């Protein structure tokens, strides 16, 4: 998938979302996440089955319209960088943070 709009996204407070990403990965790995969609002040958590995997998306509020557009326009594509964090009921579980550069998310997992 190649979407110019996504390439031009510049989310404010990236470190906040990186911390949410780290925390969510840890919760899933420790079986402390309930896999329900959720709405927070600055972001939403959206769950979906895509490409035979369970995806847990962290979506900053300002990107919800773009996320929904990409989600429906590209049903057979990844919606960004994701990390495989394990399995749930035999299905791979992946976490992504929509709009945050993969280089920053990767660094957060190896610090």
PDB file of N, CA and C in Angstrom:
ATOM      1  N   UNK A   1       0.841  -1.168   0.000  1.00  0.00           N
ATOM      2  CA  UNK A   1       0.000   0.000   0.000  1.00  0.00           C
ATOM      3  C   UNK A   1       0.895   1.242   0.000  1.00  0.00           C
ATOM      4  N   UNK A   2       0.563   2.178  -0.824  1.00  0.00           N
ATOM      5  CA  UNK A   2       1.287   3.444  -0.903  1.00  0.00           C
ATOM      6  C   UNK A   2       0.251   4.550  -0.815  1.00  0.00           C
ATOM      7  N   UNK A   3       0.271   5.315   0.248  1.00  0.00           N
ATOM      8  CA  UNK A   3      -0.709   6.372   0.426  1.00  0.00           C
ATOM      9  C   UNK A   3       0.016   7.645   0.827  1.00  0.00           C
ATOM     10  N   UNK A   4       0.016   8.627  -0.064  1.00  0.00           N
ATOM     11  CA  UNK A   4       0.721   9.889   0.173  1.00  0.00           C
ATOM     12  C   UNK A   4       0.294  10.541   1.480  1.00  0.00           C
ATOM     13  N   UNK A   5      -0.999  10.508   1.770  1.00  0.00           N
ATOM     14  CA  UNK A   5      -1.492  11.140   3.000  1.00  0.00           C
ATOM     15  C   UNK A   5      -0.804  10.575   4.240  1.00  0.00           C
ATOM     16  N   UNK A   6      -0.598   9.268   4.258  1.00  0.00           N
ATOM     17  CA  UNK A   6       0.027   8.621   5.406  1.00  0.00           C
ATOM     18  C   UNK A   6       1.505   8.990   5.498  1.00  0.00           C
ATOM     19  N   UNK A   7       2.166   9.116   4.353  1.00  0.00           N
ATOM     20  CA  UNK A   7       3.579   9.493   4.346  1.00  0.00           C
ATOM     21  C   UNK A   7       3.789  10.901   4.890  1.00  0.00           C
ATOM     22  N   UNK A   8       2.799  11.760   4.730  1.00  0.00           N
ATOM     23  CA  UNK A   8       2.928  13.156   5.146  1.00  0.00           C
ATOM     24  C   UNK A   8       2.432  13.438   6.562  1.00  0.00           C
ATOM     25  N   UNK A   9       2.005  12.423   7.266  1.00  0.00           N
ATOM     26  CA  UNK A   9       1.486  12.585   8.624  1.00  0.00           C
ATOM     27  C   UNK A   9       2.631  12.935   9.576  1.00  0.00           C
ATOM     28  N   UNK A  10       2.380  13.899  10.434  1.00  0.00           N
ATOM     29  CA  UNK A  10       3.344  14.258  11.466  1.00  0.00           C
ATOM     30  C   UNK A  10       2.589  14.398  12.782  1.00  0.00           C
ATOM     31  N   UNK A  11       2.547  13.334  13.538  1.00  0.00           N
ATOM     32  CA  UNK A  11       1.801  13.297  14.795  1.00  0.00           C
ATOM     33  C   UNK A  11       2.585  14.034  15.882  1.00  0.00           C
ATOM     34  N   UNK A  12       1.908  14.913  16.584  1.00  0.00           N
ATOM     35  CA  UNK A  12       2.528  15.605  17.716  1.00  0.00           C
ATOM     36  C   UNK A  12       2.659  14.641  18.892  1.00  0.00           C
ATOM     37  N   UNK A  13       3.605  14.890  19.734  1.00  0.00           N
ATOM     38  CA  UNK A  13       3.804  14.121  20.978  1.00  0.00           C
ATOM     39  C   UNK A  13       4.058  12.635  20.698  1.00  0.00           C
ATOM     40  N   UNK A  14       4.946  12.360  19.772  1.00  0.00           N
ATOM     41  CA  UNK A  14       5.242  10.971  19.398  1.00  0.00           C
ATOM     42  C   UNK A  14       5.649  10.115  20.596  1.00  0.00           C
ATOM     43  N   UNK A  15       6.410  10.695  21.511  1.00  0.00           N
ATOM     44  CA  UNK A  15       6.882   9.932  22.668  1.00  0.00           C
ATOM     45  C   UNK A  15       5.701   9.396  23.493  1.00  0.00           C
ATOM     46  N   UNK A  16       4.631  10.155  23.592  1.00  0.00           N
ATOM     47  CA  UNK A  16       3.440   9.691  24.303  1.00  0.00           C
ATOM     48  C   UNK A  16       2.913   8.403  23.664  1.00  0.00           C
ATOM     49  N   UNK A  17       2.781   8.393  22.337  1.00  0.00           N
ATOM     50  CA  UNK A  17       2.247   7.223  21.634  1.00  0.00           C
ATOM     51  C   UNK A  17       3.223   6.050  21.659  1.00  0.00           C
ATOM     52  N   UNK A  18       4.497   6.343  21.669  1.00  0.00           N
ATOM     53  CA  UNK A  18       5.498   5.275  21.786  1.00  0.00           C
ATOM     54  C   UNK A  18       5.354   4.592  23.141  1.00  0.00           C
ATOM     55  N   UNK A  19       5.112   5.370  24.184  1.00  0.00           N
ATOM     56  CA  UNK A  19       4.902   4.786  25.516  1.00  0.00           C
ATOM     57  C   UNK A  19       3.629   3.952  25.570  1.00  0.00           C
ATOM     58  N   UNK A  20       2.572   4.416  24.918  1.00  0.00           N
ATOM     59  CA  UNK A  20       1.329   3.638  24.854  1.00  0.00           C
ATOM     60  C   UNK A  20       1.594   2.323  24.122  1.00  0.00           C
ATOM     61  N   UNK A  21       2.330   2.392  23.029  1.00  0.00           N
ATOM     62  CA  UNK A  21       2.685   1.207  22.239  1.00  0.00           C
ATOM     63  C   UNK A  21       3.454   0.202  23.104  1.00  0.00           C
ATOM     64  N   UNK A  22       4.488   0.665  23.788  1.00  0.00           N
ATOM     65  CA  UNK A  22       5.288  -0.216  24.655  1.00  0.00           C
ATOM     66  C   UNK A  22       4.414  -0.880  25.714  1.00  0.00           C
ATOM     67  N   UNK A  23       3.570  -0.082  26.346  1.00  0.00           N
ATOM     68  CA  UNK A  23       2.699  -0.595  27.400  1.00  0.00           C
ATOM     69  C   UNK A  23       1.728  -1.649  26.863  1.00  0.00           C
ATOM     70  N   UNK A  24       1.157  -1.379  25.704  1.00  0.00           N
ATOM     71  CA  UNK A  24       0.206  -2.317  25.107  1.00  0.00           C
ATOM     72  C   UNK A  24       0.886  -3.632  24.722  1.00  0.00           C
ATOM     73  N   UNK A  25       2.062  -3.552  24.145  1.00  0.00           N
ATOM     74  CA  UNK A  25       2.813  -4.764  23.801  1.00  0.00           C
ATOM     75  C   UNK A  25       3.071  -5.587  25.061  1.00  0.00           C
ATOM     76  N   UNK A  26       3.494  -4.917  26.126  1.00  0.00           N
ATOM     77  CA  UNK A  26       3.767  -5.606  27.389  1.00  0.00           C
ATOM     78  C   UNK A  26       2.504  -6.268  27.947  1.00  0.00           C
ATOM     79  N   UNK A  27       1.368  -5.538  27.929  1.00  0.00           N
ATOM     80  CA  UNK A  27       0.111  -6.102  28.438  1.00  0.00           C
ATOM     81  C   UNK A  27      -0.308  -7.339  27.655  1.00  0.00           C
ATOM     82  N   UNK A  28      -0.188  -7.282  26.348  1.00  0.00           N
ATOM     83  CA  UNK A  28      -0.587  -8.435  25.526  1.00  0.00           C
ATOM     84  C   UNK A  28       0.313  -9.622  25.814  1.00  0.00           C
ATOM     85  N   UNK A  29       1.607  -9.383  25.867  1.00  0.00           N
ATOM     86  CA  UNK A  29       2.556 -10.479  26.141  1.00  0.00           C
ATOM     87  C   UNK A  29       2.324 -11.104  27.516  1.00  0.00           C
ATOM     88  N   UNK A  30       1.829 -10.308  28.472  1.00  0.00           N
ATOM     89  CA  UNK A  30       1.577 -10.802  29.829  1.00  0.00           C
ATOM     90  C   UNK A  30       0.132 -11.223  30.048  1.00  0.00           C
ATOM     91  N   UNK A  31      -0.635 -11.364  28.958  1.00  0.00           N
ATOM     92  CA  UNK A  31      -2.048 -11.760  29.031  1.00  0.00           C
ATOM     93  C   UNK A  31      -2.875 -10.848  29.927  1.00  0.00           C
ATOM     94  N   UNK A  32      -2.619  -9.540  29.852  1.00  0.00           N
ATOM     95  CA  UNK A  32      -3.336  -8.567  30.669  1.00  0.00           C
ATOM     96  C   UNK A  32      -4.173  -7.612  29.820  1.00  0.00           C
ATOM     97  N   UNK A  33      -4.417  -7.955  28.581  1.00  0.00           N
ATOM     98  CA  UNK A  33      -5.195  -7.111  27.674  1.00  0.00           C
ATOM     99  C   UNK A  33      -6.473  -7.840  27.316  1.00  0.00           C
ATOM    100  N   UNK A  34      -7.600  -7.131  27.310  1.00  0.00           N
ATOM    101  CA  UNK A  34      -8.891  -7.794  27.098  1.00  0.00           C
ATOM    102  C   UNK A  34      -9.377  -7.815  25.640  1.00  0.00           C
ATOM    103  N   UNK A  35      -8.617  -7.229  24.715  1.00  0.00           N
ATOM    104  CA  UNK A  35      -8.944  -7.250  23.285  1.00  0.00           C
ATOM    105  C   UNK A  35     -10.299  -6.623  22.963  1.00  0.00           C
ATOM    106  N   UNK A  36     -10.648  -5.581  23.686  1.00  0.00           N
ATOM    107  CA  UNK A  36     -11.843  -4.800  23.384  1.00  0.00           C
ATOM    108  C   UNK A  36     -11.415  -3.450  22.811  1.00  0.00           C
ATOM    109  N   UNK A  37     -12.211  -2.934  21.892  1.00  0.00           N
ATOM    110  CA  UNK A  37     -11.955  -1.584  21.411  1.00  0.00           C
ATOM    111  C   UNK A  37     -12.099  -0.640  22.597  1.00  0.00           C
ATOM    112  N   UNK A  38     -11.345   0.459  22.549  1.00  0.00           N
ATOM    113  CA  UNK A  38     -11.372   1.388  23.673  1.00  0.00           C
ATOM    114  C   UNK A  38     -11.168   2.804  23.146  1.00  0.00           C
ATOM    115  N   UNK A  39     -11.648   3.755  23.890  1.00  0.00           N
ATOM    116  CA  UNK A  39     -11.528   5.158  23.523  1.00  0.00           C
ATOM    117  C   UNK A  39     -10.912   5.912  24.685  1.00  0.00           C
ATOM    118  N   UNK A  40      -9.765   6.499  24.438  1.00  0.00           N
ATOM    119  CA  UNK A  40      -9.061   7.300  25.438  1.00  0.00           C
ATOM    120  C   UNK A  40      -9.133   8.759  25.012  1.00  0.00           C
ATOM    121  N   UNK A  41      -8.637   9.639  25.851  1.00  0.00           N
ATOM    122  CA  UNK A  41      -8.693  11.072  25.541  1.00  0.00           C
ATOM    123  C   UNK A  41      -7.933  11.415  24.257  1.00  0.00           C
ATOM    124  N   UNK A  42      -6.753  10.833  24.060  1.00  0.00           N
ATOM    125  CA  UNK A  42      -5.904  11.213  22.935  1.00  0.00           C
ATOM    126  C   UNK A  42      -5.870  10.182  21.800  1.00  0.00           C
ATOM    127  N   UNK A  43      -6.436   8.997  22.001  1.00  0.00           N
ATOM    128  CA  UNK A  43      -6.345   7.942  20.993  1.00  0.00           C
ATOM    129  C   UNK A  43      -7.448   6.917  21.195  1.00  0.00           C
ATOM    130  N   UNK A  44      -7.576   6.050  20.195  1.00  0.00           N
ATOM    131  CA  UNK A  44      -8.478   4.903  20.317  1.00  0.00           C
ATOM    132  C   UNK A  44      -7.656   3.624  20.139  1.00  0.00           C
ATOM    133  N   UNK A  45      -8.210   2.546  20.645  1.00  0.00           N
ATOM    134  CA  UNK A  45      -7.675   1.208  20.402  1.00  0.00           C
ATOM    135  C   UNK A  45      -8.709   0.507  19.535  1.00  0.00           C
ATOM    136  N   UNK A  46      -8.288   0.048  18.367  1.00  0.00           N
ATOM    137  CA  UNK A  46      -9.189  -0.649  17.444  1.00  0.00           C
ATOM    138  C   UNK A  46      -8.646  -2.045  17.183  1.00  0.00           C
ATOM    139  N   UNK A  47      -9.505  -3.031  17.341  1.00  0.00           N
ATOM    140  CA  UNK A  47      -9.150  -4.427  17.101  1.00  0.00           C
ATOM    141  C   UNK A  47      -9.787  -4.894  15.810  1.00  0.00           C
ATOM    142  N   UNK A  48      -9.065  -5.685  15.047  1.00  0.00           N
ATOM    143  CA  UNK A  48      -9.660  -6.278  13.845  1.00  0.00           C
ATOM    144  C   UNK A  48      -8.854  -7.493  13.414  1.00  0.00           C
ATOM    145  N   UNK A  49      -9.544  -8.369  12.682  1.00  0.00           N
ATOM    146  CA  UNK A  49      -8.875  -9.487  12.030  1.00  0.00           C
ATOM    147  C   UNK A  49      -8.558  -9.027  10.614  1.00  0.00           C
ATOM    148  N   UNK A  50      -7.292  -9.112  10.244  1.00  0.00           N
ATOM    149  CA  UNK A  50      -6.816  -8.661   8.938  1.00  0.00           C
ATOM    150  C   UNK A  50      -5.659  -9.576   8.561  1.00  0.00           C
ATOM    151  N   UNK A  51      -5.687 -10.088   7.341  1.00  0.00           N
ATOM    152  CA  UNK A  51      -4.599 -10.933   6.844  1.00  0.00           C
ATOM    153  C   UNK A  51      -4.314 -12.106   7.781  1.00  0.00           C
ATOM    154  N   UNK A  52      -5.373 -12.723   8.271  1.00  0.00           N
ATOM    155  CA  UNK A  52      -5.290 -13.889   9.158  1.00  0.00           C
ATOM    156  C   UNK A  52      -4.568 -13.612  10.472  1.00  0.00           C
ATOM    157  N   UNK A  53      -4.520 -12.365  10.888  1.00  0.00           N
ATOM    158  CA  UNK A  53      -3.931 -11.992  12.166  1.00  0.00           C
ATOM    159  C   UNK A  53      -4.906 -11.093  12.906  1.00  0.00           C
ATOM    160  N   UNK A  54      -4.770 -11.081  14.234  1.00  0.00           N
ATOM    161  CA  UNK A  54      -5.543 -10.153  15.056  1.00  0.00           C
ATOM    162  C   UNK A  54      -4.680  -8.911  15.233  1.00  0.00           C
ATOM    163  N   UNK A  55      -5.162  -7.768  14.739  1.00  0.00           N
ATOM    164  CA  UNK A  55      -4.430  -6.516  14.857  1.00  0.00           C
ATOM    165  C   UNK A  55      -5.040  -5.665  15.954  1.00  0.00           C
ATOM    166  N   UNK A  56      -4.175  -5.082  16.764  1.00  0.00           N
ATOM    167  CA  UNK A  56      -4.572  -4.108  17.765  1.00  0.00           C
ATOM    168  C   UNK A  56      -3.914  -2.797  17.331  1.00  0.00           C
ATOM    169  N   UNK A  57      -4.740  -1.855  16.908  1.00  0.00           N
ATOM    170  CA  UNK A  57      -4.250  -0.584  16.389  1.00  0.00           C
ATOM    171  C   UNK A  57      -4.397   0.503  17.456  1.00  0.00           C
ATOM    172  N   UNK A  58      -3.321   1.254  17.652  1.00  0.00           N
ATOM    173  CA  UNK A  58      -3.368   2.478  18.445  1.00  0.00           C
ATOM    174  C   UNK A  58      -3.495   3.604  17.425  1.00  0.00           C
ATOM    175  N   UNK A  59      -4.552   4.403  17.526  1.00  0.00           N
ATOM    176  CA  UNK A  59      -4.806   5.438  16.520  1.00  0.00           C
ATOM    177  C   UNK A  59      -4.974   6.793  17.214  1.00  0.00           C
ATOM    178  N   UNK A  60      -4.018   7.714  16.999  1.00  0.00           N
ATOM    179  CA  UNK A  60      -4.193   9.056  17.540  1.00  0.00           C
ATOM    180  C   UNK A  60      -5.506   9.667  17.030  1.00  0.00           C
ATOM    181  N   UNK A  61      -6.203  10.395  17.875  1.00  0.00           N
ATOM    182  CA  UNK A  61      -7.516  10.947  17.522  1.00  0.00           C
ATOM    183  C   UNK A  61      -7.494  11.747  16.218  1.00  0.00           C
ATOM    184  N   UNK A  62      -6.436  12.524  15.989  1.00  0.00           N
ATOM    185  CA  UNK A  62      -6.400  13.341  14.772  1.00  0.00           C
ATOM    186  C   UNK A  62      -6.266  12.515  13.500  1.00  0.00           C
ATOM    187  N   UNK A  63      -5.932  11.222  13.656  1.00  0.00           N
ATOM    188  CA  UNK A  63      -5.769  10.358  12.480  1.00  0.00           C
ATOM    189  C   UNK A  63      -6.927   9.390  12.271  1.00  0.00           C
ATOM    190  N   UNK A  64      -7.957   9.462  13.077  1.00  0.00           N
ATOM    191  CA  UNK A  64      -9.077   8.524  12.941  1.00  0.00           C
ATOM    192  C   UNK A  64      -9.705   8.582  11.541  1.00  0.00           C
ATOM    193  N   UNK A  65      -9.980   9.751  10.975  1.00  0.00           N
ATOM    194  CA  UNK A  65     -10.562   9.758   9.621  1.00  0.00           C
ATOM    195  C   UNK A  65      -9.645   9.093   8.581  1.00  0.00           C
ATOM    196  N   UNK A  66      -8.355   9.354   8.648  1.00  0.00           N
ATOM    197  CA  UNK A  66      -7.416   8.729   7.713  1.00  0.00           C
ATOM    198  C   UNK A  66      -7.332   7.223   7.962  1.00  0.00           C
ATOM    199  N   UNK A  67      -7.289   6.816   9.222  1.00  0.00           N
ATOM    200  CA  UNK A  67      -7.257   5.397   9.574  1.00  0.00           C
ATOM    201  C   UNK A  67      -8.470   4.676   8.987  1.00  0.00           C
ATOM    202  N   UNK A  68      -9.648   5.249   9.177  1.00  0.00           N
ATOM    203  CA  UNK A  68     -10.861   4.613   8.649  1.00  0.00           C
ATOM    204  C   UNK A  68     -10.839   4.534   7.125  1.00  0.00           C
ATOM    205  N   UNK A  69     -10.345   5.562   6.478  1.00  0.00           N
ATOM    206  CA  UNK A  69     -10.236   5.548   5.015  1.00  0.00           C
ATOM    207  C   UNK A  69      -9.306   4.417   4.561  1.00  0.00           C
ATOM    208  N   UNK A  70      -8.139   4.359   5.149  1.00  0.00           N
ATOM    209  CA  UNK A  70      -7.155   3.333   4.782  1.00  0.00           C
ATOM    210  C   UNK A  70      -7.685   1.943   5.118  1.00  0.00           C
ATOM    211  N   UNK A  71      -8.306   1.825   6.250  1.00  0.00           N
ATOM    212  CA  UNK A  71      -8.845   0.547   6.712  1.00  0.00           C
ATOM    213  C   UNK A  71      -9.835  -0.047   5.699  1.00  0.00           C
ATOM    214  N   UNK A  72     -10.696   0.791   5.135  1.00  0.00           N
ATOM    215  CA  UNK A  72     -11.713   0.302   4.212  1.00  0.00           C
ATOM    216  C   UNK A  72     -11.221   0.270   2.769  1.00  0.00           C
ATOM    217  N   UNK A  73     -10.331   1.181   2.390  1.00  0.00           N
ATOM    218  CA  UNK A  73      -9.833   1.216   1.013  1.00  0.00           C
ATOM    219  C   UNK A  73      -8.795   0.135   0.725  1.00  0.00           C
ATOM    220  N   UNK A  74      -8.121  -0.356   1.766  1.00  0.00           N
ATOM    221  CA  UNK A  74      -7.052  -1.348   1.586  1.00  0.00           C
ATOM    222  C   UNK A  74      -7.262  -2.531   2.535  1.00  0.00           C
ATOM    223  N   UNK A  75      -8.304  -3.317   2.325  1.00  0.00           N
ATOM    224  CA  UNK A  75      -8.613  -4.399   3.272  1.00  0.00           C
ATOM    225  C   UNK A  75      -7.603  -5.546   3.271  1.00  0.00           C
ATOM    226  N   UNK A  76      -6.791  -5.646   2.245  1.00  0.00           N
ATOM    227  CA  UNK A  76      -5.830  -6.750   2.151  1.00  0.00           C
ATOM    228  C   UNK A  76      -4.395  -6.288   2.364  1.00  0.00           C
ATOM    229  N   UNK A  77      -4.202  -5.171   3.060  1.00  0.00           N
ATOM    230  CA  UNK A  77      -2.864  -4.645   3.308  1.00  0.00           C
ATOM    231  C   UNK A  77      -2.657  -4.389   4.792  1.00  0.00           C
ATOM    232  N   UNK A  78      -1.374  -4.352   5.175  1.00  0.00           N
ATOM    233  CA  UNK A  78      -1.027  -3.884   6.501  1.00  0.00           C
ATOM    234  C   UNK A  78      -1.271  -2.385   6.543  1.00  0.00           C
ATOM    235  N   UNK A  79      -1.633  -1.855   7.686  1.00  0.00           N
ATOM    236  CA  UNK A  79      -1.920  -0.434   7.812  1.00  0.00           C
ATOM    237  C   UNK A  79      -0.749   0.329   8.411  1.00  0.00           C
ATOM    238  N   UNK A  80       0.402  -0.262   8.386  1.00  0.00           N
ATOM    239  CA  UNK A  80       1.596   0.364   8.930  1.00  0.00           C
ATOM    240  C   UNK A  80       2.451  -0.686   9.612  1.00  0.00           C
ATOM    241  N   UNK A  81       3.500  -0.227  10.231  1.00  0.00           N
ATOM    242  CA  UNK A  81       4.418  -1.091  10.953  1.00  0.00           C
ATOM    243  C   UNK A  81       3.667  -1.812  12.067  1.00  0.00           C
ATOM    244  N   UNK A  82       3.866  -3.106  12.170  1.00  0.00           N
ATOM    245  CA  UNK A  82       3.251  -3.858  13.265  1.00  0.00           C
ATOM    246  C   UNK A  82       4.273  -4.812  13.853  1.00  0.00           C
ATOM    247  N   UNK A  83       4.039  -5.158  15.093  1.00  0.00           N
ATOM    248  CA  UNK A  83       4.917  -6.080  15.809  1.00  0.00           C
ATOM    249  C   UNK A  83       4.117  -7.315  16.170  1.00  0.00           C
ATOM    250  N   UNK A  84       4.661  -8.468  15.822  1.00  0.00           N
ATOM    251  CA  UNK A  84       4.052  -9.731  16.215  1.00  0.00           C
ATOM    252  C   UNK A  84       4.384  -9.945  17.691  1.00  0.00           C
ATOM    253  N   UNK A  85       3.343 -10.036  18.531  1.00  0.00           N
ATOM    254  CA  UNK A  85       3.579 -10.145  19.976  1.00  0.00           C
ATOM    255  C   UNK A  85       3.161 -11.488  20.558  1.00  0.00           C
ATOM    256  N   UNK A  86       2.633 -12.364  19.747  1.00  0.00           N
ATOM    257  CA  UNK A  86       2.245 -13.674  20.240  1.00  0.00           C
ATOM    258  C   UNK A  86       1.030 -14.203  19.508  1.00  0.00           C
ATOM    259  N   UNK A  87       0.356 -15.147  20.171  1.00  0.00           N
ATOM    260  CA  UNK A  87      -0.852 -15.740  19.599  1.00  0.00           C
ATOM    261  C   UNK A  87      -1.967 -15.697  20.622  1.00  0.00           C
ATOM    262  N   UNK A  88      -3.173 -15.625  20.080  1.00  0.00           N
ATOM    263  CA  UNK A  88      -4.389 -15.663  20.901  1.00  0.00           C
ATOM    264  C   UNK A  88      -5.359 -16.580  20.192  1.00  0.00           C
ATOM    265  N   UNK A  89      -5.765 -17.635  20.852  1.00  0.00           N
ATOM    266  CA  UNK A  89      -6.684 -18.621  20.278  1.00  0.00           C
ATOM    267  C   UNK A  89      -6.197 -19.084  18.900  1.00  0.00           C
ATOM    268  N   UNK A  90      -4.883 -19.324  18.783  1.00  0.00           N
ATOM    269  CA  UNK A  90      -4.302 -19.843  17.549  1.00  0.00           C
ATOM    270  C   UNK A  90      -4.074 -18.811  16.455  1.00  0.00           C
ATOM    271  N   UNK A  91      -4.374 -17.549  16.712  1.00  0.00           N
ATOM    272  CA  UNK A  91      -4.213 -16.494  15.713  1.00  0.00           C
ATOM    273  C   UNK A  91      -3.099 -15.553  16.154  1.00  0.00           C
ATOM    274  N   UNK A  92      -2.226 -15.190  15.208  1.00  0.00           N
ATOM    275  CA  UNK A  92      -1.157 -14.242  15.520  1.00  0.00           C
ATOM    276  C   UNK A  92      -1.755 -12.906  15.959  1.00  0.00           C
ATOM    277  N   UNK A  93      -1.129 -12.287  16.943  1.00  0.00           N
ATOM    278  CA  UNK A  93      -1.544 -10.977  17.427  1.00  0.00           C
ATOM    279  C   UNK A  93      -0.440  -9.978  17.081  1.00  0.00           C
ATOM    280  N   UNK A  94      -0.841  -8.889  16.412  1.00  0.00           N
ATOM    281  CA  UNK A  94       0.092  -7.832  16.014  1.00  0.00           C
ATOM    282  C   UNK A  94      -0.403  -6.506  16.566  1.00  0.00           C
ATOM    283  N   UNK A  95       0.549  -5.662  16.957  1.00  0.00           N
ATOM    284  CA  UNK A  95       0.233  -4.338  17.474  1.00  0.00           C
ATOM    285  C   UNK A  95       0.844  -3.300  16.546  1.00  0.00           C
ATOM    286  N   UNK A  96       0.074  -2.275  16.232  1.00  0.00           N
ATOM    287  CA  UNK A  96       0.622  -1.172  15.446  1.00  0.00           C
ATOM    288  C   UNK A  96       0.158   0.147  16.040  1.00  0.00           C
ATOM    289  N   UNK A  97       0.933   1.189  15.766  1.00  0.00           N
ATOM    290  CA  UNK A  97       0.615   2.535  16.216  1.00  0.00           C
ATOM    291  C   UNK A  97       0.546   3.400  14.967  1.00  0.00           C
ATOM    292  N   UNK A  98      -0.657   3.628  14.496  1.00  0.00           N
ATOM    293  CA  UNK A  98      -0.915   4.284  13.222  1.00  0.00           C
ATOM    294  C   UNK A  98      -0.335   5.701  13.205  1.00  0.00           C
ATOM    295  N   UNK A  99       0.497   5.968  12.202  1.00  0.00           N
ATOM    296  CA  UNK A  99       1.044   7.303  12.015  1.00  0.00           C
ATOM    297  C   UNK A  99       2.366   7.574  12.704  1.00  0.00           C
ATOM    298  N   UNK A 100       2.858   6.616  13.484  1.00  0.00           N
ATOM    299  CA  UNK A 100       4.151   6.780  14.154  1.00  0.00           C
ATOM    300  C   UNK A 100       5.200   6.015  13.350  1.00  0.00           C
ATOM    301  N   UNK A 101       6.316   6.663  13.019  1.00  0.00           N
ATOM    302  CA  UNK A 101       7.345   6.002  12.204  1.00  0.00           C
ATOM    303  C   UNK A 101       7.846   4.694  12.826  1.00  0.00           C
ATOM    304  N   UNK A 102       8.012   3.703  11.975  1.00  0.00           N
ATOM    305  CA  UNK A 102       8.426   2.383  12.462  1.00  0.00           C
ATOM    306  C   UNK A 102       9.792   2.436  13.137  1.00  0.00           C
ATOM    307  N   UNK A 103      10.679   3.327  12.704  1.00  0.00           N
ATOM    308  CA  UNK A 103      11.996   3.411  13.333  1.00  0.00           C
ATOM    309  C   UNK A 103      11.880   3.776  14.809  1.00  0.00           C
ATOM    310  N   UNK A 104      10.946   4.657  15.148  1.00  0.00           N
ATOM    311  CA  UNK A 104      10.750   5.037  16.548  1.00  0.00           C
ATOM    312  C   UNK A 104      10.136   3.903  17.358  1.00  0.00           C
ATOM    313  N   UNK A 105       9.198   3.197  16.763  1.00  0.00           N
ATOM    314  CA  UNK A 105       8.561   2.071  17.465  1.00  0.00           C
ATOM    315  C   UNK A 105       9.564   0.940  17.683  1.00  0.00           C
ATOM    316  N   UNK A 106      10.387   0.684  16.685  1.00  0.00           N
ATOM    317  CA  UNK A 106      11.402  -0.368  16.811  1.00  0.00           C
ATOM    318  C   UNK A 106      12.377  -0.035  17.937  1.00  0.00           C
ATOM    319  N   UNK A 107      12.850   1.198  17.968  1.00  0.00           N
ATOM    320  CA  UNK A 107      13.783   1.619  19.023  1.00  0.00           C
ATOM    321  C   UNK A 107      13.164   1.439  20.401  1.00  0.00           C
ATOM    322  N   UNK A 108      11.871   1.687  20.502  1.00  0.00           N
ATOM    323  CA  UNK A 108      11.215   1.584  21.800  1.00  0.00           C
ATOM    324  C   UNK A 108      11.232   0.155  22.324  1.00  0.00           C
ATOM    325  N   UNK A 109      11.261  -0.805  21.435  1.00  0.00           N
ATOM    326  CA  UNK A 109      11.229  -2.207  21.857  1.00  0.00           C
ATOM    327  C   UNK A 109      12.611  -2.764  22.204  1.00  0.00           C
ATOM    328  N   UNK A 110      13.650  -2.042  21.799  1.00  0.00           N
ATOM    329  CA  UNK A 110      14.992  -2.556  22.070  1.00  0.00           C
ATOM    330  C   UNK A 110      15.769  -1.719  23.073  1.00  0.00           C
ATOM    331  N   UNK A 111      15.114  -0.736  23.701  1.00  0.00           N
ATOM    332  CA  UNK A 111      15.818   0.062  24.700  1.00  0.00           C
ATOM    333  C   UNK A 111      15.980  -0.713  25.982  1.00  0.00           C
TER     334      UNK A 111
END
